[in-house]
Amino acid sequence: MSQRIEGAGQDDRAWQDRANCLGVDPDLFFPERGASTREAKEVCKGCEVREQCLDYALANGEKFGIWGGLSERERRRLRRQRAQANRGAVTA
């Protein structure tokens, strides 16, 4: 989801200018509870900066909306998986 995020360094947000969602109504990426996320995720499909968008959301704890093609529930699951993998790597 790229609506020109303020507060990051210029280099940190240069990816936003190449995002598929640039210029798309941001409401699409923040659907009402229980509403479909399919349309927003379709915009994300094939986006060349999808990974950077997801990394931004994970690094900044974005709790709402579709970022990098994932919902908050999907991002929470990914964070848990990564944390478990990191714990496993530390104990190995």
C-alpha atoms as a PDB file:
ATOM      1  CA  MET A   1       0.000   0.000   0.000  1.00  0.00           C
ATOM      2  CA  SER A   2       1.703   3.207  -1.054  1.00  0.00           C
ATOM      3  CA  GLN A   3       0.188   6.555  -0.264  1.00  0.00           C
ATOM      4  CA  ARG A   4       3.535   8.324   0.128  1.00  0.00           C
ATOM      5  CA  ILE A   5       4.486   7.445   3.665  1.00  0.00           C
ATOM      6  CA  GLU A   6       6.013  10.382   5.505  1.00  0.00           C
ATOM      7  CA  GLY A   7       8.640  10.213   8.196  1.00  0.00           C
ATOM      8  CA  ALA A   8      11.126   7.839   6.577  1.00  0.00           C
ATOM      9  CA  GLY A   9      14.331   8.876   4.861  1.00  0.00           C
ATOM     10  CA  GLN A  10      14.043   9.666   1.140  1.00  0.00           C
ATOM     11  CA  ASP A  11      16.026   6.553   0.175  1.00  0.00           C
ATOM     12  CA  ASP A  12      13.859   4.421   2.463  1.00  0.00           C
ATOM     13  CA  ARG A  13      10.682   5.308   0.608  1.00  0.00           C
ATOM     14  CA  ALA A  14      11.869   5.570  -2.996  1.00  0.00           C
ATOM     15  CA  TRP A  15      10.169   2.205  -3.642  1.00  0.00           C
ATOM     16  CA  GLN A  16       6.774   3.873  -3.189  1.00  0.00           C
ATOM     17  CA  ASP A  17       7.088   5.664  -6.522  1.00  0.00           C
ATOM     18  CA  ARG A  18       7.088   2.280  -8.315  1.00  0.00           C
ATOM     19  CA  ALA A  19       4.190   0.714  -6.396  1.00  0.00           C
ATOM     20  CA  ASN A  20       1.149  -0.611  -8.283  1.00  0.00           C
ATOM     21  CA  CYS A  21      -1.099   1.068  -5.716  1.00  0.00           C
ATOM     22  CA  LEU A  22       0.223   4.572  -6.307  1.00  0.00           C
ATOM     23  CA  GLY A  23      -2.816   6.682  -7.095  1.00  0.00           C
ATOM     24  CA  VAL A  24      -5.309   3.960  -6.135  1.00  0.00           C
ATOM     25  CA  ASP A  25      -7.966   4.896  -3.568  1.00  0.00           C
ATOM     26  CA  PRO A  26      -6.399   4.027  -0.185  1.00  0.00           C
ATOM     27  CA  ASP A  27      -9.790   2.890   1.141  1.00  0.00           C
ATOM     28  CA  LEU A  28      -9.360  -0.202  -1.030  1.00  0.00           C
ATOM     29  CA  PHE A  29      -6.433  -1.250   1.186  1.00  0.00           C
ATOM     30  CA  PHE A  30      -8.298  -0.629   4.439  1.00  0.00           C
ATOM     31  CA  PRO A  31     -11.525  -2.591   4.024  1.00  0.00           C
ATOM     32  CA  GLU A  32     -14.199  -2.673   6.711  1.00  0.00           C
ATOM     33  CA  ARG A  33     -13.964  -5.571   9.151  1.00  0.00           C
ATOM     34  CA  GLY A  34     -15.134  -8.743   7.428  1.00  0.00           C
ATOM     35  CA  ALA A  35     -15.048  -7.190   3.939  1.00  0.00           C
ATOM     36  CA  SER A  36     -13.118  -8.818   1.124  1.00  0.00           C
ATOM     37  CA  THR A  37      -9.430  -8.050   0.670  1.00  0.00           C
ATOM     38  CA  ARG A  38      -9.326  -9.689  -2.747  1.00  0.00           C
ATOM     39  CA  GLU A  39      -9.342  -6.468  -4.803  1.00  0.00           C
ATOM     40  CA  ALA A  40      -6.502  -4.922  -2.824  1.00  0.00           C
ATOM     41  CA  LYS A  41      -4.463  -8.105  -3.065  1.00  0.00           C
ATOM     42  CA  GLU A  42      -5.040  -8.148  -6.834  1.00  0.00           C
ATOM     43  CA  VAL A  43      -3.413  -4.707  -7.052  1.00  0.00           C
ATOM     44  CA  CYS A  44      -0.447  -6.099  -5.114  1.00  0.00           C
ATOM     45  CA  LYS A  45      -0.029  -9.120  -7.373  1.00  0.00           C
ATOM     46  CA  GLY A  46       2.950  -8.640  -9.623  1.00  0.00           C
ATOM     47  CA  CYS A  47       3.950  -5.377  -7.964  1.00  0.00           C
ATOM     48  CA  GLU A  48       7.693  -4.940  -8.294  1.00  0.00           C
ATOM     49  CA  VAL A  49       8.012  -3.425  -4.810  1.00  0.00           C
ATOM     50  CA  ARG A  50       5.723  -5.836  -2.974  1.00  0.00           C
ATOM     51  CA  GLU A  51       8.590  -7.138  -0.828  1.00  0.00           C
ATOM     52  CA  GLN A  52       9.722  -3.638   0.175  1.00  0.00           C
ATOM     53  CA  CYS A  53       6.127  -2.749   1.055  1.00  0.00           C
ATOM     54  CA  LEU A  54       5.774  -5.836   3.228  1.00  0.00           C
ATOM     55  CA  ASP A  55       9.153  -5.195   4.870  1.00  0.00           C
ATOM     56  CA  TYR A  56       8.053  -1.621   5.638  1.00  0.00           C
ATOM     57  CA  ALA A  57       4.815  -2.833   7.244  1.00  0.00           C
ATOM     58  CA  LEU A  58       6.617  -5.450   9.335  1.00  0.00           C
ATOM     59  CA  ALA A  59       9.364  -3.057  10.442  1.00  0.00           C
ATOM     60  CA  ASN A  60       6.863  -0.363  11.392  1.00  0.00           C
ATOM     61  CA  GLY A  61       4.261  -2.579  13.023  1.00  0.00           C
ATOM     62  CA  GLU A  62       1.448  -1.636  10.648  1.00  0.00           C
ATOM     63  CA  LYS A  63      -1.653  -3.050  12.302  1.00  0.00           C
ATOM     64  CA  PHE A  64      -4.221  -2.209   9.667  1.00  0.00           C
ATOM     65  CA  GLY A  65      -4.641  -2.571   5.950  1.00  0.00           C
ATOM     66  CA  ILE A  66      -3.132  -4.610   3.153  1.00  0.00           C
ATOM     67  CA  TRP A  67       0.625  -4.192   2.845  1.00  0.00           C
ATOM     68  CA  GLY A  68       2.790  -6.196   0.482  1.00  0.00           C
ATOM     69  CA  GLY A  69      -0.262  -8.247  -0.438  1.00  0.00           C
ATOM     70  CA  LEU A  70      -0.867  -9.457   3.122  1.00  0.00           C
ATOM     71  CA  SER A  71      -3.577  -8.632   5.640  1.00  0.00           C
ATOM     72  CA  GLU A  72      -2.757  -7.889   9.272  1.00  0.00           C
ATOM     73  CA  ARG A  73      -3.689 -11.460  10.225  1.00  0.00           C
ATOM     74  CA  GLU A  74      -1.316 -12.804   7.569  1.00  0.00           C
ATOM     75  CA  ARG A  75       1.452 -10.430   8.710  1.00  0.00           C
ATOM     76  CA  ARG A  76       0.982 -11.527  12.344  1.00  0.00           C
ATOM     77  CA  ARG A  77       1.311 -15.145  11.256  1.00  0.00           C
ATOM     78  CA  LEU A  78       4.467 -14.316   9.282  1.00  0.00           C
ATOM     79  CA  ARG A  79       5.972 -12.464  12.265  1.00  0.00           C
ATOM     80  CA  ARG A  80       5.286 -15.475  14.512  1.00  0.00           C
ATOM     81  CA  GLN A  81       6.833 -17.862  11.989  1.00  0.00           C
ATOM     82  CA  ARG A  82       9.925 -15.689  11.669  1.00  0.00           C
ATOM     83  CA  ALA A  83      10.229 -15.360  15.457  1.00  0.00           C
ATOM     84  CA  GLN A  84       9.986 -19.133  15.879  1.00  0.00           C
ATOM     85  CA  ALA A  85      12.570 -19.675  13.156  1.00  0.00           C
ATOM     86  CA  ASN A  86      14.901 -17.163  14.829  1.00  0.00           C
ATOM     87  CA  ARG A  87      14.473 -18.858  18.213  1.00  0.00           C
ATOM     88  CA  GLY A  88      15.252 -22.194  16.589  1.00  0.00           C
ATOM     89  CA  ALA A  89      18.374 -20.779  14.954  1.00  0.00           C
ATOM     90  CA  VAL A  90      19.596 -19.328  18.264  1.00  0.00           C
ATOM     91  CA  THR A  91      19.199 -22.630  20.126  1.00  0.00           C
ATOM     92  CA  ALA A  92      20.823 -24.669  17.359  1.00  0.00           C
END
